Amino acid sequence: MTKKKLPKSLGQIILEKRKAIRLTQRQAASRIRKPDGKPISAVYLNDIEHDRRSPSSDHLIEQFAQALNIPVEVLYLATRRIPPTYLSIQAPDDKKVIDAFEAFQAALR
């Protein structure tokens, strides 16, 4: 019996990438800015890396993507959210939406 491989969590993705580019939590946190322009704390980053918290806004997800050079779509998938750029698309009918999600799922298999 084979074990089903679980997708990586947002915290795992961020932790692996941060370590791969050799940043400390403090260094990485200083690169990620809240909407008010202030950096996040290393404690907040630690909580995210250990899956105790999740970024509360699209802004922070995009900041993580930019600061750590991770495709933003990867982070949105890990948070089980749809990127805002895709939310503005108006599908002509429900079948098109279902077909798109099925094609997405098939492409990831």
PDB file of N, CA and C in Angstrom:
ATOM      1  N   MET A   1       0.845  -1.175   0.000  1.00  0.00           N
ATOM      2  CA  MET A   1       0.000   0.000   0.000  1.00  0.00           C
ATOM      3  C   MET A   1       0.891   1.240   0.000  1.00  0.00           C
ATOM      4  N   THR A   2       0.646   2.158  -0.921  1.00  0.00           N
ATOM      5  CA  THR A   2       1.453   3.370  -0.992  1.00  0.00           C
ATOM      6  C   THR A   2       0.761   4.497  -0.247  1.00  0.00           C
ATOM      7  N   LYS A   3       1.595   5.300   0.392  1.00  0.00           N
ATOM      8  CA  LYS A   3       1.063   6.454   1.090  1.00  0.00           C
ATOM      9  C   LYS A   3       0.794   7.570   0.101  1.00  0.00           C
ATOM     10  N   LYS A   4      -0.311   8.263   0.309  1.00  0.00           N
ATOM     11  CA  LYS A   4      -0.618   9.406  -0.526  1.00  0.00           C
ATOM     12  C   LYS A   4       0.244  10.579  -0.066  1.00  0.00           C
ATOM     13  N   LYS A   5       0.942  11.187  -0.999  1.00  0.00           N
ATOM     14  CA  LYS A   5       1.804  12.309  -0.666  1.00  0.00           C
ATOM     15  C   LYS A   5       0.949  13.559  -0.498  1.00  0.00           C
ATOM     16  N   LEU A   6       1.067  14.176   0.653  1.00  0.00           N
ATOM     17  CA  LEU A   6       0.312  15.385   0.927  1.00  0.00           C
ATOM     18  C   LEU A   6       1.007  16.582   0.293  1.00  0.00           C
ATOM     19  N   PRO A   7       0.225  17.566  -0.149  1.00  0.00           N
ATOM     20  CA  PRO A   7       0.860  18.776  -0.684  1.00  0.00           C
ATOM     21  C   PRO A   7       1.588  19.522   0.428  1.00  0.00           C
ATOM     22  N   LYS A   8       2.605  20.259   0.041  1.00  0.00           N
ATOM     23  CA  LYS A   8       3.339  21.051   1.026  1.00  0.00           C
ATOM     24  C   LYS A   8       2.448  22.169   1.545  1.00  0.00           C
ATOM     25  N   SER A   9       2.625  22.466   2.822  1.00  0.00           N
ATOM     26  CA  SER A   9       1.888  23.574   3.415  1.00  0.00           C
ATOM     27  C   SER A   9       2.577  24.885   3.045  1.00  0.00           C
ATOM     28  N   LEU A  10       1.872  25.969   3.249  1.00  0.00           N
ATOM     29  CA  LEU A  10       2.458  27.284   3.014  1.00  0.00           C
ATOM     30  C   LEU A  10       3.717  27.451   3.856  1.00  0.00           C
ATOM     31  N   GLY A  11       3.646  27.059   5.113  1.00  0.00           N
ATOM     32  CA  GLY A  11       4.804  27.180   5.993  1.00  0.00           C
ATOM     33  C   GLY A  11       6.005  26.397   5.495  1.00  0.00           C
ATOM     34  N   GLN A  12       5.766  25.179   5.018  1.00  0.00           N
ATOM     35  CA  GLN A  12       6.872  24.361   4.496  1.00  0.00           C
ATOM     36  C   GLN A  12       7.504  25.013   3.270  1.00  0.00           C
ATOM     37  N   ILE A  13       6.663  25.548   2.382  1.00  0.00           N
ATOM     38  CA  ILE A  13       7.173  26.195   1.164  1.00  0.00           C
ATOM     39  C   ILE A  13       8.041  27.392   1.531  1.00  0.00           C
ATOM     40  N   ILE A  14       7.551  28.217   2.431  1.00  0.00           N
ATOM     41  CA  ILE A  14       8.289  29.420   2.832  1.00  0.00           C
ATOM     42  C   ILE A  14       9.579  29.046   3.553  1.00  0.00           C
ATOM     43  N   LEU A  15       9.506  28.112   4.478  1.00  0.00           N
ATOM     44  CA  LEU A  15      10.695  27.682   5.225  1.00  0.00           C
ATOM     45  C   LEU A  15      11.762  27.128   4.281  1.00  0.00           C
ATOM     46  N   GLU A  16      11.381  26.234   3.383  1.00  0.00           N
ATOM     47  CA  GLU A  16      12.350  25.642   2.452  1.00  0.00           C
ATOM     48  C   GLU A  16      13.000  26.702   1.568  1.00  0.00           C
ATOM     49  N   LYS A  17      12.199  27.618   1.071  1.00  0.00           N
ATOM     50  CA  LYS A  17      12.748  28.649   0.185  1.00  0.00           C
ATOM     51  C   LYS A  17      13.663  29.605   0.962  1.00  0.00           C
ATOM     52  N   ARG A  18      13.243  29.985   2.163  1.00  0.00           N
ATOM     53  CA  ARG A  18      14.071  30.883   2.977  1.00  0.00           C
ATOM     54  C   ARG A  18      15.430  30.261   3.255  1.00  0.00           C
ATOM     55  N   LYS A  19      15.407  28.986   3.618  1.00  0.00           N
ATOM     56  CA  LYS A  19      16.680  28.302   3.889  1.00  0.00           C
ATOM     57  C   LYS A  19      17.506  28.131   2.619  1.00  0.00           C
ATOM     58  N   ALA A  20      16.845  27.862   1.503  1.00  0.00           N
ATOM     59  CA  ALA A  20      17.561  27.674   0.233  1.00  0.00           C
ATOM     60  C   ALA A  20      18.301  28.941  -0.188  1.00  0.00           C
ATOM     61  N   ILE A  21      17.723  30.102   0.124  1.00  0.00           N
ATOM     62  CA  ILE A  21      18.402  31.351  -0.242  1.00  0.00           C
ATOM     63  C   ILE A  21      19.202  31.922   0.930  1.00  0.00           C
ATOM     64  N   ARG A  22      19.333  31.108   1.974  1.00  0.00           N
ATOM     65  CA  ARG A  22      20.196  31.397   3.126  1.00  0.00           C
ATOM     66  C   ARG A  22      19.875  32.708   3.833  1.00  0.00           C
ATOM     67  N   LEU A  23      18.597  32.847   4.163  1.00  0.00           N
ATOM     68  CA  LEU A  23      18.178  33.994   4.957  1.00  0.00           C
ATOM     69  C   LEU A  23      17.774  33.519   6.343  1.00  0.00           C
ATOM     70  N   THR A  24      18.106  34.302   7.348  1.00  0.00           N
ATOM     71  CA  THR A  24      17.587  34.016   8.678  1.00  0.00           C
ATOM     72  C   THR A  24      16.124  34.459   8.711  1.00  0.00           C
ATOM     73  N   GLN A  25      15.418  34.035   9.734  1.00  0.00           N
ATOM     74  CA  GLN A  25      14.029  34.496   9.849  1.00  0.00           C
ATOM     75  C   GLN A  25      13.985  36.018   9.967  1.00  0.00           C
ATOM     76  N   ARG A  26      14.896  36.565  10.729  1.00  0.00           N
ATOM     77  CA  ARG A  26      14.921  38.020  10.897  1.00  0.00           C
ATOM     78  C   ARG A  26      15.171  38.732   9.575  1.00  0.00           C
ATOM     79  N   GLN A  27      16.108  38.223   8.767  1.00  0.00           N
ATOM     80  CA  GLN A  27      16.398  38.837   7.465  1.00  0.00           C
ATOM     81  C   GLN A  27      15.191  38.738   6.532  1.00  0.00           C
ATOM     82  N   ALA A  28      14.574  37.562   6.492  1.00  0.00           N
ATOM     83  CA  ALA A  28      13.408  37.383   5.622  1.00  0.00           C
ATOM     84  C   ALA A  28      12.265  38.270   6.081  1.00  0.00           C
ATOM     85  N   ALA A  29      12.014  38.306   7.373  1.00  0.00           N
ATOM     86  CA  ALA A  29      10.917  39.122   7.901  1.00  0.00           C
ATOM     87  C   ALA A  29      11.100  40.595   7.551  1.00  0.00           C
ATOM     88  N   SER A  30      12.336  41.069   7.548  1.00  0.00           N
ATOM     89  CA  SER A  30      12.586  42.486   7.241  1.00  0.00           C
ATOM     90  C   SER A  30      12.258  42.823   5.787  1.00  0.00           C
ATOM     91  N   ARG A  31      12.190  41.825   4.914  1.00  0.00           N
ATOM     92  CA  ARG A  31      11.877  42.034   3.495  1.00  0.00           C
ATOM     93  C   ARG A  31      10.375  42.018   3.202  1.00  0.00           C
ATOM     94  N   ILE A  32       9.591  41.566   4.153  1.00  0.00           N
ATOM     95  CA  ILE A  32       8.152  41.387   3.938  1.00  0.00           C
ATOM     96  C   ILE A  32       7.415  42.505   4.658  1.00  0.00           C
ATOM     97  N   ARG A  33       6.758  43.350   3.888  1.00  0.00           N
ATOM     98  CA  ARG A  33       6.124  44.551   4.429  1.00  0.00           C
ATOM     99  C   ARG A  33       4.608  44.406   4.528  1.00  0.00           C
ATOM    100  N   LYS A  34       4.091  44.857   5.657  1.00  0.00           N
ATOM    101  CA  LYS A  34       2.644  44.925   5.847  1.00  0.00           C
ATOM    102  C   LYS A  34       2.112  46.091   5.009  1.00  0.00           C
ATOM    103  N   PRO A  35       0.798  46.202   4.851  1.00  0.00           N
ATOM    104  CA  PRO A  35       0.252  47.317   4.057  1.00  0.00           C
ATOM    105  C   PRO A  35       0.682  48.702   4.552  1.00  0.00           C
ATOM    106  N   ASP A  36       0.978  48.827   5.845  1.00  0.00           N
ATOM    107  CA  ASP A  36       1.410  50.128   6.367  1.00  0.00           C
ATOM    108  C   ASP A  36       2.900  50.396   6.124  1.00  0.00           C
ATOM    109  N   GLY A  37       3.588  49.446   5.461  1.00  0.00           N
ATOM    110  CA  GLY A  37       4.997  49.623   5.130  1.00  0.00           C
ATOM    111  C   GLY A  37       5.962  49.084   6.165  1.00  0.00           C
ATOM    112  N   LYS A  38       5.457  48.695   7.324  1.00  0.00           N
ATOM    113  CA  LYS A  38       6.325  48.146   8.364  1.00  0.00           C
ATOM    114  C   LYS A  38       6.578  46.669   8.097  1.00  0.00           C
ATOM    115  N   PRO A  39       7.777  46.189   8.436  1.00  0.00           N
ATOM    116  CA  PRO A  39       8.067  44.766   8.209  1.00  0.00           C
ATOM    117  C   PRO A  39       7.314  43.882   9.209  1.00  0.00           C
ATOM    118  N   ILE A  40       7.092  42.641   8.799  1.00  0.00           N
ATOM    119  CA  ILE A  40       6.515  41.680   9.731  1.00  0.00           C
ATOM    120  C   ILE A  40       7.587  41.315  10.753  1.00  0.00           C
ATOM    121  N   SER A  41       7.182  40.710  11.834  1.00  0.00           N
ATOM    122  CA  SER A  41       8.157  40.308  12.857  1.00  0.00           C
ATOM    123  C   SER A  41       8.677  38.899  12.562  1.00  0.00           C
ATOM    124  N   ALA A  42       9.853  38.620  13.088  1.00  0.00           N
ATOM    125  CA  ALA A  42      10.418  37.273  12.958  1.00  0.00           C
ATOM    126  C   ALA A  42       9.526  36.256  13.672  1.00  0.00           C
ATOM    127  N   VAL A  43       8.877  36.653  14.745  1.00  0.00           N
ATOM    128  CA  VAL A  43       7.963  35.763  15.474  1.00  0.00           C
ATOM    129  C   VAL A  43       6.779  35.384  14.587  1.00  0.00           C
ATOM    130  N   TYR A  44       6.216  36.363  13.878  1.00  0.00           N
ATOM    131  CA  TYR A  44       5.102  36.105  12.952  1.00  0.00           C
ATOM    132  C   TYR A  44       5.552  35.147  11.846  1.00  0.00           C
ATOM    133  N   LEU A  45       6.737  35.385  11.287  1.00  0.00           N
ATOM    134  CA  LEU A  45       7.278  34.497  10.258  1.00  0.00           C
ATOM    135  C   LEU A  45       7.458  33.084  10.806  1.00  0.00           C
ATOM    136  N   ASN A  46       7.971  32.969  12.025  1.00  0.00           N
ATOM    137  CA  ASN A  46       8.147  31.660  12.651  1.00  0.00           C
ATOM    138  C   ASN A  46       6.806  30.944  12.775  1.00  0.00           C
ATOM    139  N   ASP A  47       5.773  31.670  13.181  1.00  0.00           N
ATOM    140  CA  ASP A  47       4.436  31.077  13.296  1.00  0.00           C
ATOM    141  C   ASP A  47       3.931  30.586  11.938  1.00  0.00           C
ATOM    142  N   ILE A  48       4.189  31.345  10.894  1.00  0.00           N
ATOM    143  CA  ILE A  48       3.770  30.924   9.545  1.00  0.00           C
ATOM    144  C   ILE A  48       4.548  29.680   9.123  1.00  0.00           C
ATOM    145  N   GLU A  49       5.856  29.692   9.332  1.00  0.00           N
ATOM    146  CA  GLU A  49       6.680  28.542   8.935  1.00  0.00           C
ATOM    147  C   GLU A  49       6.293  27.264   9.676  1.00  0.00           C
ATOM    148  N   HIS A  50       5.757  27.403  10.863  1.00  0.00           N
ATOM    149  CA  HIS A  50       5.336  26.230  11.637  1.00  0.00           C
ATOM    150  C   HIS A  50       3.822  25.988  11.542  1.00  0.00           C
ATOM    151  N   ASP A  51       3.196  26.629  10.560  1.00  0.00           N
ATOM    152  CA  ASP A  51       1.764  26.453  10.266  1.00  0.00           C
ATOM    153  C   ASP A  51       0.853  26.758  11.447  1.00  0.00           C
ATOM    154  N   ARG A  52       1.276  27.694  12.280  1.00  0.00           N
ATOM    155  CA  ARG A  52       0.426  28.149  13.376  1.00  0.00           C
ATOM    156  C   ARG A  52      -0.410  29.353  12.962  1.00  0.00           C
ATOM    157  N   ARG A  53       0.040  30.039  11.909  1.00  0.00           N
ATOM    158  CA  ARG A  53      -0.673  31.201  11.370  1.00  0.00           C
ATOM    159  C   ARG A  53      -0.557  31.182   9.860  1.00  0.00           C
ATOM    160  N   SER A  54      -1.395  31.974   9.228  1.00  0.00           N
ATOM    161  CA  SER A  54      -1.371  32.112   7.778  1.00  0.00           C
ATOM    162  C   SER A  54      -1.486  33.597   7.449  1.00  0.00           C
ATOM    163  N   PRO A  55      -0.835  34.054   6.377  1.00  0.00           N
ATOM    164  CA  PRO A  55      -0.969  35.470   6.024  1.00  0.00           C
ATOM    165  C   PRO A  55      -2.443  35.856   5.904  1.00  0.00           C
ATOM    166  N   SER A  56      -2.769  36.981   6.487  1.00  0.00           N
ATOM    167  CA  SER A  56      -4.162  37.390   6.572  1.00  0.00           C
ATOM    168  C   SER A  56      -4.662  38.161   5.348  1.00  0.00           C
ATOM    169  N   SER A  57      -3.773  38.477   4.437  1.00  0.00           N
ATOM    170  CA  SER A  57      -4.201  39.289   3.290  1.00  0.00           C
ATOM    171  C   SER A  57      -3.467  38.873   2.011  1.00  0.00           C
ATOM    172  N   ASP A  58      -4.089  39.237   0.895  1.00  0.00           N
ATOM    173  CA  ASP A  58      -3.447  39.021  -0.398  1.00  0.00           C
ATOM    174  C   ASP A  58      -2.133  39.797  -0.467  1.00  0.00           C
ATOM    175  N   HIS A  59      -2.124  40.976   0.138  1.00  0.00           N
ATOM    176  CA  HIS A  59      -0.914  41.800   0.139  1.00  0.00           C
ATOM    177  C   HIS A  59       0.270  41.029   0.729  1.00  0.00           C
ATOM    178  N   LEU A  60       0.051  40.361   1.865  1.00  0.00           N
ATOM    179  CA  LEU A  60       1.150  39.624   2.498  1.00  0.00           C
ATOM    180  C   LEU A  60       1.563  38.410   1.677  1.00  0.00           C
ATOM    181  N   ILE A  61       0.623  37.723   1.084  1.00  0.00           N
ATOM    182  CA  ILE A  61       0.974  36.585   0.220  1.00  0.00           C
ATOM    183  C   ILE A  61       1.871  37.067  -0.917  1.00  0.00           C
ATOM    184  N   GLU A  62       1.497  38.190  -1.506  1.00  0.00           N
ATOM    185  CA  GLU A  62       2.291  38.730  -2.613  1.00  0.00           C
ATOM    186  C   GLU A  62       3.656  39.229  -2.134  1.00  0.00           C
ATOM    187  N   GLN A  63       3.723  39.736  -0.918  1.00  0.00           N
ATOM    188  CA  GLN A  63       5.007  40.152  -0.346  1.00  0.00           C
ATOM    189  C   GLN A  63       5.928  38.944  -0.141  1.00  0.00           C
ATOM    190  N   PHE A  64       5.378  37.852   0.374  1.00  0.00           N
ATOM    191  CA  PHE A  64       6.171  36.631   0.543  1.00  0.00           C
ATOM    192  C   PHE A  64       6.689  36.151  -0.812  1.00  0.00           C
ATOM    193  N   ALA A  65       5.823  36.155  -1.814  1.00  0.00           N
ATOM    194  CA  ALA A  65       6.221  35.700  -3.146  1.00  0.00           C
ATOM    195  C   ALA A  65       7.372  36.537  -3.684  1.00  0.00           C
ATOM    196  N   GLN A  66       7.245  37.842  -3.565  1.00  0.00           N
ATOM    197  CA  GLN A  66       8.268  38.743  -4.085  1.00  0.00           C
ATOM    198  C   GLN A  66       9.570  38.632  -3.285  1.00  0.00           C
ATOM    199  N   ALA A  67       9.467  38.640  -1.973  1.00  0.00           N
ATOM    200  CA  ALA A  67      10.668  38.637  -1.128  1.00  0.00           C
ATOM    201  C   ALA A  67      11.464  37.347  -1.230  1.00  0.00           C
ATOM    202  N   LEU A  68      10.764  36.232  -1.445  1.00  0.00           N
ATOM    203  CA  LEU A  68      11.439  34.933  -1.466  1.00  0.00           C
ATOM    204  C   LEU A  68      11.525  34.327  -2.868  1.00  0.00           C
ATOM    205  N   ASN A  69      11.066  35.077  -3.864  1.00  0.00           N
ATOM    206  CA  ASN A  69      11.103  34.628  -5.257  1.00  0.00           C
ATOM    207  C   ASN A  69      10.365  33.294  -5.433  1.00  0.00           C
ATOM    208  N   ILE A  70       9.133  33.275  -4.972  1.00  0.00           N
ATOM    209  CA  ILE A  70       8.256  32.108  -5.101  1.00  0.00           C
ATOM    210  C   ILE A  70       7.091  32.537  -6.002  1.00  0.00           C
ATOM    211  N   PRO A  71       6.724  31.740  -6.991  1.00  0.00           N
ATOM    212  CA  PRO A  71       5.565  32.124  -7.799  1.00  0.00           C
ATOM    213  C   PRO A  71       4.335  32.323  -6.911  1.00  0.00           C
ATOM    214  N   VAL A  72       3.685  33.455  -7.074  1.00  0.00           N
ATOM    215  CA  VAL A  72       2.550  33.798  -6.213  1.00  0.00           C
ATOM    216  C   VAL A  72       1.440  32.753  -6.304  1.00  0.00           C
ATOM    217  N   GLU A  73       1.276  32.143  -7.466  1.00  0.00           N
ATOM    218  CA  GLU A  73       0.237  31.120  -7.625  1.00  0.00           C
ATOM    219  C   GLU A  73       0.489  29.922  -6.712  1.00  0.00           C
ATOM    220  N   VAL A  74       1.759  29.591  -6.499  1.00  0.00           N
ATOM    221  CA  VAL A  74       2.117  28.482  -5.613  1.00  0.00           C
ATOM    222  C   VAL A  74       1.668  28.791  -4.185  1.00  0.00           C
ATOM    223  N   LEU A  75       1.879  30.023  -3.764  1.00  0.00           N
ATOM    224  CA  LEU A  75       1.476  30.402  -2.405  1.00  0.00           C
ATOM    225  C   LEU A  75      -0.040  30.467  -2.261  1.00  0.00           C
ATOM    226  N   TYR A  76      -0.718  30.969  -3.284  1.00  0.00           N
ATOM    227  CA  TYR A  76      -2.185  30.979  -3.221  1.00  0.00           C
ATOM    228  C   TYR A  76      -2.736  29.559  -3.159  1.00  0.00           C
ATOM    229  N   LEU A  77      -2.168  28.654  -3.916  1.00  0.00           N
ATOM    230  CA  LEU A  77      -2.634  27.267  -3.869  1.00  0.00           C
ATOM    231  C   LEU A  77      -2.414  26.682  -2.474  1.00  0.00           C
ATOM    232  N   ALA A  78      -1.276  26.959  -1.876  1.00  0.00           N
ATOM    233  CA  ALA A  78      -0.976  26.444  -0.541  1.00  0.00           C
ATOM    234  C   ALA A  78      -1.933  27.000   0.513  1.00  0.00           C
ATOM    235  N   THR A  79      -2.452  28.212   0.292  1.00  0.00           N
ATOM    236  CA  THR A  79      -3.405  28.804   1.235  1.00  0.00           C
ATOM    237  C   THR A  79      -4.849  28.480   0.863  1.00  0.00           C
ATOM    238  N   ARG A  80      -5.016  27.721  -0.231  1.00  0.00           N
ATOM    239  CA  ARG A  80      -6.350  27.328  -0.703  1.00  0.00           C
ATOM    240  C   ARG A  80      -7.197  28.544  -1.076  1.00  0.00           C
ATOM    241  N   ARG A  81      -6.523  29.535  -1.675  1.00  0.00           N
ATOM    242  CA  ARG A  81      -7.203  30.755  -2.104  1.00  0.00           C
ATOM    243  C   ARG A  81      -6.992  30.967  -3.586  1.00  0.00           C
ATOM    244  N   ILE A  82      -7.836  31.776  -4.178  1.00  0.00           N
ATOM    245  CA  ILE A  82      -7.727  32.109  -5.596  1.00  0.00           C
ATOM    246  C   ILE A  82      -7.083  33.487  -5.703  1.00  0.00           C
ATOM    247  N   PRO A  83      -6.042  33.618  -6.533  1.00  0.00           N
ATOM    248  CA  PRO A  83      -5.411  34.930  -6.693  1.00  0.00           C
ATOM    249  C   PRO A  83      -6.436  35.972  -7.171  1.00  0.00           C
ATOM    250  N   PRO A  84      -6.357  37.184  -6.657  1.00  0.00           N
ATOM    251  CA  PRO A  84      -7.326  38.223  -7.016  1.00  0.00           C
ATOM    252  C   PRO A  84      -7.441  38.473  -8.514  1.00  0.00           C
ATOM    253  N   THR A  85      -6.333  38.316  -9.254  1.00  0.00           N
ATOM    254  CA  THR A  85      -6.398  38.547 -10.702  1.00  0.00           C
ATOM    255  C   THR A  85      -7.361  37.587 -11.390  1.00  0.00           C
ATOM    256  N   TYR A  86      -7.554  36.398 -10.823  1.00  0.00           N
ATOM    257  CA  TYR A  86      -8.467  35.432 -11.408  1.00  0.00           C
ATOM    258  C   TYR A  86      -9.904  35.670 -10.981  1.00  0.00           C
ATOM    259  N   LEU A  87     -10.094  36.381  -9.892  1.00  0.00           N
ATOM    260  CA  LEU A  87     -11.450  36.629  -9.400  1.00  0.00           C
ATOM    261  C   LEU A  87     -12.212  37.636 -10.250  1.00  0.00           C
ATOM    262  N   SER A  88     -11.503  38.413 -11.042  1.00  0.00           N
ATOM    263  CA  SER A  88     -12.169  39.417 -11.873  1.00  0.00           C
ATOM    264  C   SER A  88     -12.688  38.834 -13.191  1.00  0.00           C
ATOM    265  N   ILE A  89     -12.358  37.586 -13.465  1.00  0.00           N
ATOM    266  CA  ILE A  89     -12.796  36.951 -14.709  1.00  0.00           C
ATOM    267  C   ILE A  89     -14.267  36.567 -14.593  1.00  0.00           C
ATOM    268  N   GLN A  90     -15.044  36.953 -15.566  1.00  0.00           N
ATOM    269  CA  GLN A  90     -16.459  36.604 -15.600  1.00  0.00           C
ATOM    270  C   GLN A  90     -16.666  35.433 -16.561  1.00  0.00           C
ATOM    271  N   ALA A  91     -17.003  34.271 -16.010  1.00  0.00           N
ATOM    272  CA  ALA A  91     -17.267  33.096 -16.845  1.00  0.00           C
ATOM    273  C   ALA A  91     -18.682  33.209 -17.414  1.00  0.00           C
ATOM    274  N   PRO A  92     -18.859  32.816 -18.671  1.00  0.00           N
ATOM    275  CA  PRO A  92     -20.178  32.929 -19.286  1.00  0.00           C
ATOM    276  C   PRO A  92     -21.228  31.996 -18.656  1.00  0.00           C
ATOM    277  N   ASP A  93     -20.758  30.891 -18.074  1.00  0.00           N
ATOM    278  CA  ASP A  93     -21.717  29.979 -17.441  1.00  0.00           C
ATOM    279  C   ASP A  93     -20.987  29.065 -16.450  1.00  0.00           C
ATOM    280  N   ASP A  94     -21.773  28.376 -15.625  1.00  0.00           N
ATOM    281  CA  ASP A  94     -21.202  27.510 -14.591  1.00  0.00           C
ATOM    282  C   ASP A  94     -20.375  26.375 -15.178  1.00  0.00           C
ATOM    283  N   LYS A  95     -20.776  25.844 -16.316  1.00  0.00           N
ATOM    284  CA  LYS A  95     -20.049  24.731 -16.925  1.00  0.00           C
ATOM    285  C   LYS A  95     -18.610  25.127 -17.236  1.00  0.00           C
ATOM    286  N   LYS A  96     -18.409  26.340 -17.707  1.00  0.00           N
ATOM    287  CA  LYS A  96     -17.047  26.808 -18.005  1.00  0.00           C
ATOM    288  C   LYS A  96     -16.192  26.827 -16.728  1.00  0.00           C
ATOM    289  N   VAL A  97     -16.776  27.240 -15.623  1.00  0.00           N
ATOM    290  CA  VAL A  97     -16.053  27.284 -14.347  1.00  0.00           C
ATOM    291  C   VAL A  97     -15.676  25.864 -13.933  1.00  0.00           C
ATOM    292  N   ILE A  98     -16.628  24.952 -14.001  1.00  0.00           N
ATOM    293  CA  ILE A  98     -16.379  23.554 -13.631  1.00  0.00           C
ATOM    294  C   ILE A  98     -15.320  22.946 -14.536  1.00  0.00           C
ATOM    295  N   ASP A  99     -15.428  23.186 -15.830  1.00  0.00           N
ATOM    296  CA  ASP A  99     -14.437  22.669 -16.781  1.00  0.00           C
ATOM    297  C   ASP A  99     -13.034  23.205 -16.474  1.00  0.00           C
ATOM    298  N   ALA A 100     -12.955  24.477 -16.116  1.00  0.00           N
ATOM    299  CA  ALA A 100     -11.647  25.079 -15.815  1.00  0.00           C
ATOM    300  C   ALA A 100     -11.034  24.443 -14.571  1.00  0.00           C
ATOM    301  N   PHE A 101     -11.841  24.231 -13.527  1.00  0.00           N
ATOM    302  CA  PHE A 101     -11.309  23.601 -12.321  1.00  0.00           C
ATOM    303  C   PHE A 101     -10.922  22.152 -12.570  1.00  0.00           C
ATOM    304  N   GLU A 102     -11.683  21.447 -13.392  1.00  0.00           N
ATOM    305  CA  GLU A 102     -11.319  20.062 -13.716  1.00  0.00           C
ATOM    306  C   GLU A 102     -10.033  20.009 -14.521  1.00  0.00           C
ATOM    307  N   ALA A 103      -9.838  20.943 -15.449  1.00  0.00           N
ATOM    308  CA  ALA A 103      -8.604  20.982 -16.228  1.00  0.00           C
ATOM    309  C   ALA A 103      -7.408  21.323 -15.326  1.00  0.00           C
ATOM    310  N   PHE A 104      -7.628  22.216 -14.394  1.00  0.00           N
ATOM    311  CA  PHE A 104      -6.590  22.575 -13.427  1.00  0.00           C
ATOM    312  C   PHE A 104      -6.187  21.367 -12.617  1.00  0.00           C
ATOM    313  N   GLN A 105      -7.157  20.660 -12.100  1.00  0.00           N
ATOM    314  CA  GLN A 105      -6.897  19.454 -11.301  1.00  0.00           C
ATOM    315  C   GLN A 105      -6.165  18.397 -12.125  1.00  0.00           C
ATOM    316  N   ALA A 106      -6.593  18.193 -13.348  1.00  0.00           N
ATOM    317  CA  ALA A 106      -5.950  17.200 -14.211  1.00  0.00           C
ATOM    318  C   ALA A 106      -4.495  17.578 -14.502  1.00  0.00           C
ATOM    319  N   ALA A 107      -4.244  18.864 -14.687  1.00  0.00           N
ATOM    320  CA  ALA A 107      -2.895  19.316 -14.996  1.00  0.00           C
ATOM    321  C   ALA A 107      -1.942  19.083 -13.817  1.00  0.00           C
ATOM    322  N   LEU A 108      -2.463  19.082 -12.604  1.00  0.00           N
ATOM    323  CA  LEU A 108      -1.617  18.880 -11.423  1.00  0.00           C
ATOM    324  C   LEU A 108      -1.400  17.421 -11.079  1.00  0.00           C
ATOM    325  N   ARG A 109      -2.114  16.532 -11.708  1.00  0.00           N
ATOM    326  CA  ARG A 109      -1.936  15.096 -11.413  1.00  0.00           C
ATOM    327  C   ARG A 109      -0.666  14.563 -12.012  1.00  0.00           C
TER     328      ARG A 109
END
